[in-house]
N, C-alpha and C. Protein backbone atom coordinates (compact mmCIF):
# COMPACT_ATOMS: atom_id res chain seq x y z
N MET A 1 -11.20 2.65 -9.61
CA MET A 1 -10.64 3.02 -8.32
C MET A 1 -11.53 4.06 -7.65
N SER A 2 -11.33 4.22 -6.36
CA SER A 2 -12.11 5.16 -5.57
C SER A 2 -11.55 6.58 -5.69
N GLY A 3 -12.28 7.54 -5.14
CA GLY A 3 -11.87 8.93 -5.23
C GLY A 3 -10.88 9.33 -4.15
N ILE A 4 -10.21 10.45 -4.38
CA ILE A 4 -9.24 10.98 -3.43
C ILE A 4 -9.94 11.22 -2.10
N GLY A 5 -9.26 10.86 -1.02
CA GLY A 5 -9.81 10.99 0.32
C GLY A 5 -10.45 9.71 0.83
N THR A 6 -10.59 8.72 -0.04
CA THR A 6 -11.20 7.44 0.35
C THR A 6 -10.29 6.70 1.31
N ARG A 7 -10.87 6.15 2.34
CA ARG A 7 -10.14 5.32 3.31
C ARG A 7 -9.83 3.98 2.65
N ILE A 8 -8.58 3.53 2.76
CA ILE A 8 -8.15 2.27 2.18
C ILE A 8 -7.81 1.30 3.31
N ASP A 9 -8.34 0.08 3.23
CA ASP A 9 -8.04 -0.99 4.18
C ASP A 9 -8.05 -2.27 3.36
N GLU A 10 -6.87 -2.69 2.92
CA GLU A 10 -6.79 -3.83 2.00
C GLU A 10 -5.64 -4.76 2.36
N ILE A 11 -5.76 -5.97 1.86
CA ILE A 11 -4.73 -7.00 2.02
C ILE A 11 -4.08 -7.21 0.66
N GLY A 12 -2.77 -7.46 0.68
CA GLY A 12 -2.04 -7.74 -0.55
C GLY A 12 -0.60 -8.06 -0.23
N THR A 13 0.26 -7.95 -1.23
CA THR A 13 1.68 -8.23 -1.08
C THR A 13 2.46 -6.94 -1.23
N LEU A 14 3.33 -6.66 -0.27
CA LEU A 14 4.17 -5.47 -0.34
C LEU A 14 5.32 -5.74 -1.29
N ILE A 15 5.50 -4.86 -2.28
CA ILE A 15 6.60 -5.03 -3.23
C ILE A 15 7.42 -3.74 -3.29
N LEU A 16 8.69 -3.91 -3.62
CA LEU A 16 9.61 -2.80 -3.82
C LEU A 16 10.00 -2.82 -5.29
N ASP A 17 9.75 -1.72 -5.99
CA ASP A 17 10.01 -1.65 -7.42
C ASP A 17 10.60 -0.28 -7.75
N GLY A 18 11.85 -0.26 -8.19
CA GLY A 18 12.48 1.00 -8.58
C GLY A 18 12.62 2.00 -7.45
N GLY A 19 12.79 1.54 -6.23
CA GLY A 19 12.95 2.44 -5.09
C GLY A 19 11.65 2.87 -4.45
N ALA A 20 10.51 2.45 -4.98
CA ALA A 20 9.20 2.80 -4.41
C ALA A 20 8.52 1.54 -3.90
N PHE A 21 7.71 1.71 -2.87
CA PHE A 21 6.93 0.60 -2.33
C PHE A 21 5.52 0.62 -2.91
N TYR A 22 5.01 -0.58 -3.16
CA TYR A 22 3.67 -0.77 -3.71
C TYR A 22 2.96 -1.88 -2.96
N LEU A 23 1.64 -1.81 -2.94
CA LEU A 23 0.82 -2.92 -2.49
C LEU A 23 0.23 -3.56 -3.73
N ARG A 24 0.59 -4.83 -3.97
CA ARG A 24 -0.04 -5.60 -5.05
C ARG A 24 -1.32 -6.15 -4.44
N ARG A 25 -2.44 -5.57 -4.83
CA ARG A 25 -3.73 -5.83 -4.21
C ARG A 25 -4.26 -7.23 -4.53
N ASP A 26 -4.85 -7.87 -3.53
CA ASP A 26 -5.53 -9.14 -3.76
C ASP A 26 -6.69 -8.97 -4.74
N LEU A 27 -7.27 -7.77 -4.78
CA LEU A 27 -8.41 -7.50 -5.66
C LEU A 27 -7.97 -7.13 -7.08
N GLY A 28 -6.66 -7.10 -7.32
CA GLY A 28 -6.14 -6.74 -8.63
C GLY A 28 -5.61 -5.32 -8.64
N GLY A 29 -4.58 -5.09 -9.41
CA GLY A 29 -3.96 -3.77 -9.50
C GLY A 29 -2.98 -3.56 -8.36
N ARG A 30 -2.49 -2.33 -8.26
CA ARG A 30 -1.56 -2.02 -7.18
C ARG A 30 -1.66 -0.55 -6.82
N TYR A 31 -1.28 -0.26 -5.58
CA TYR A 31 -1.21 1.10 -5.07
C TYR A 31 0.25 1.44 -4.81
N GLU A 32 0.68 2.64 -5.19
CA GLU A 32 1.97 3.15 -4.74
C GLU A 32 1.75 3.70 -3.34
N LEU A 33 2.76 3.55 -2.49
CA LEU A 33 2.60 3.93 -1.09
C LEU A 33 3.50 5.09 -0.69
N GLU A 34 2.92 6.06 0.00
CA GLU A 34 3.68 7.08 0.73
C GLU A 34 3.80 6.54 2.14
N LEU A 35 5.03 6.26 2.56
CA LEU A 35 5.25 5.62 3.85
C LEU A 35 5.94 6.55 4.82
N HIS A 36 5.59 6.41 6.11
CA HIS A 36 6.23 7.20 7.17
C HIS A 36 7.41 6.45 7.76
N ARG A 37 7.49 5.16 7.50
CA ARG A 37 8.64 4.34 7.87
C ARG A 37 8.87 3.35 6.74
N THR A 38 10.05 2.80 6.68
CA THR A 38 10.40 1.89 5.59
C THR A 38 10.27 0.45 6.09
N PRO A 39 9.24 -0.28 5.65
CA PRO A 39 8.98 -1.64 6.13
C PRO A 39 9.75 -2.71 5.34
N VAL A 40 11.07 -2.60 5.30
CA VAL A 40 11.89 -3.50 4.49
C VAL A 40 11.67 -4.96 4.88
N ASP A 41 11.42 -5.22 6.16
CA ASP A 41 11.22 -6.58 6.63
C ASP A 41 9.92 -7.21 6.11
N LEU A 42 9.03 -6.41 5.55
CA LEU A 42 7.75 -6.93 5.05
C LEU A 42 7.70 -7.08 3.52
N VAL A 43 8.78 -6.74 2.83
CA VAL A 43 8.80 -6.82 1.36
C VAL A 43 8.59 -8.27 0.92
N GLU A 44 7.72 -8.44 -0.07
CA GLU A 44 7.35 -9.75 -0.64
C GLU A 44 6.55 -10.61 0.34
N LYS A 45 5.93 -9.97 1.33
CA LYS A 45 5.07 -10.69 2.28
C LYS A 45 3.67 -10.13 2.20
N ARG A 46 2.70 -10.93 2.68
CA ARG A 46 1.31 -10.47 2.72
C ARG A 46 1.15 -9.49 3.86
N VAL A 47 0.53 -8.35 3.55
CA VAL A 47 0.36 -7.30 4.53
C VAL A 47 -1.06 -6.73 4.47
N ARG A 48 -1.40 -6.02 5.52
CA ARG A 48 -2.64 -5.24 5.55
C ARG A 48 -2.23 -3.77 5.49
N LEU A 49 -2.80 -3.05 4.55
CA LEU A 49 -2.54 -1.63 4.37
C LEU A 49 -3.75 -0.84 4.86
N VAL A 50 -3.49 0.16 5.68
CA VAL A 50 -4.52 1.10 6.11
C VAL A 50 -4.00 2.50 5.78
N GLY A 51 -4.81 3.29 5.09
CA GLY A 51 -4.38 4.62 4.73
C GLY A 51 -5.47 5.38 4.00
N THR A 52 -5.05 6.45 3.30
CA THR A 52 -5.97 7.33 2.59
C THR A 52 -5.49 7.52 1.16
N LEU A 53 -6.40 7.40 0.22
CA LEU A 53 -6.08 7.64 -1.18
C LEU A 53 -5.84 9.13 -1.38
N VAL A 54 -4.63 9.48 -1.87
CA VAL A 54 -4.27 10.90 -2.02
C VAL A 54 -4.01 11.29 -3.47
N GLY A 55 -4.07 10.34 -4.36
CA GLY A 55 -3.87 10.58 -5.79
C GLY A 55 -4.25 9.34 -6.56
N ALA A 56 -4.15 9.41 -7.86
CA ALA A 56 -4.49 8.26 -8.70
C ALA A 56 -3.54 7.11 -8.41
N GLY A 57 -4.03 6.11 -7.68
CA GLY A 57 -3.22 4.95 -7.35
C GLY A 57 -2.17 5.20 -6.29
N LEU A 58 -2.27 6.31 -5.53
CA LEU A 58 -1.29 6.67 -4.51
C LEU A 58 -1.97 6.74 -3.15
N VAL A 59 -1.42 5.98 -2.19
CA VAL A 59 -2.00 5.90 -0.85
C VAL A 59 -1.00 6.42 0.18
N ASN A 60 -1.46 7.34 1.03
CA ASN A 60 -0.67 7.75 2.20
C ASN A 60 -0.95 6.71 3.25
N ALA A 61 0.06 5.89 3.55
CA ALA A 61 -0.11 4.74 4.44
C ALA A 61 0.01 5.15 5.89
N GLU A 62 -1.02 4.87 6.66
CA GLU A 62 -0.97 5.08 8.10
C GLU A 62 -0.38 3.85 8.78
N GLY A 63 -0.58 2.69 8.15
CA GLY A 63 -0.06 1.46 8.73
C GLY A 63 0.09 0.37 7.68
N VAL A 64 1.20 -0.35 7.80
CA VAL A 64 1.44 -1.54 6.99
C VAL A 64 1.91 -2.60 7.98
N ALA A 65 1.14 -3.69 8.09
CA ALA A 65 1.44 -4.72 9.09
C ALA A 65 1.23 -6.10 8.46
N PRO A 66 1.86 -7.12 9.04
CA PRO A 66 1.65 -8.48 8.52
C PRO A 66 0.16 -8.83 8.53
N ALA A 67 -0.28 -9.52 7.48
CA ALA A 67 -1.70 -9.90 7.38
C ALA A 67 -1.93 -11.23 8.05
């Protein structure tokens, strides 16, 4: 994975697991998401995530939109 502060722009599937949102990455693995809004309508759909890596596998999401 990349270092903290890295810009993230990836496609994958938005999943909800245990009350937290994750991006299941097309490239493998997953990111936990810090979200400013709750995109319930996009769960289990392909999305584009734009944000910043703020911890090990944790992304502060600036945007989550349909891919």
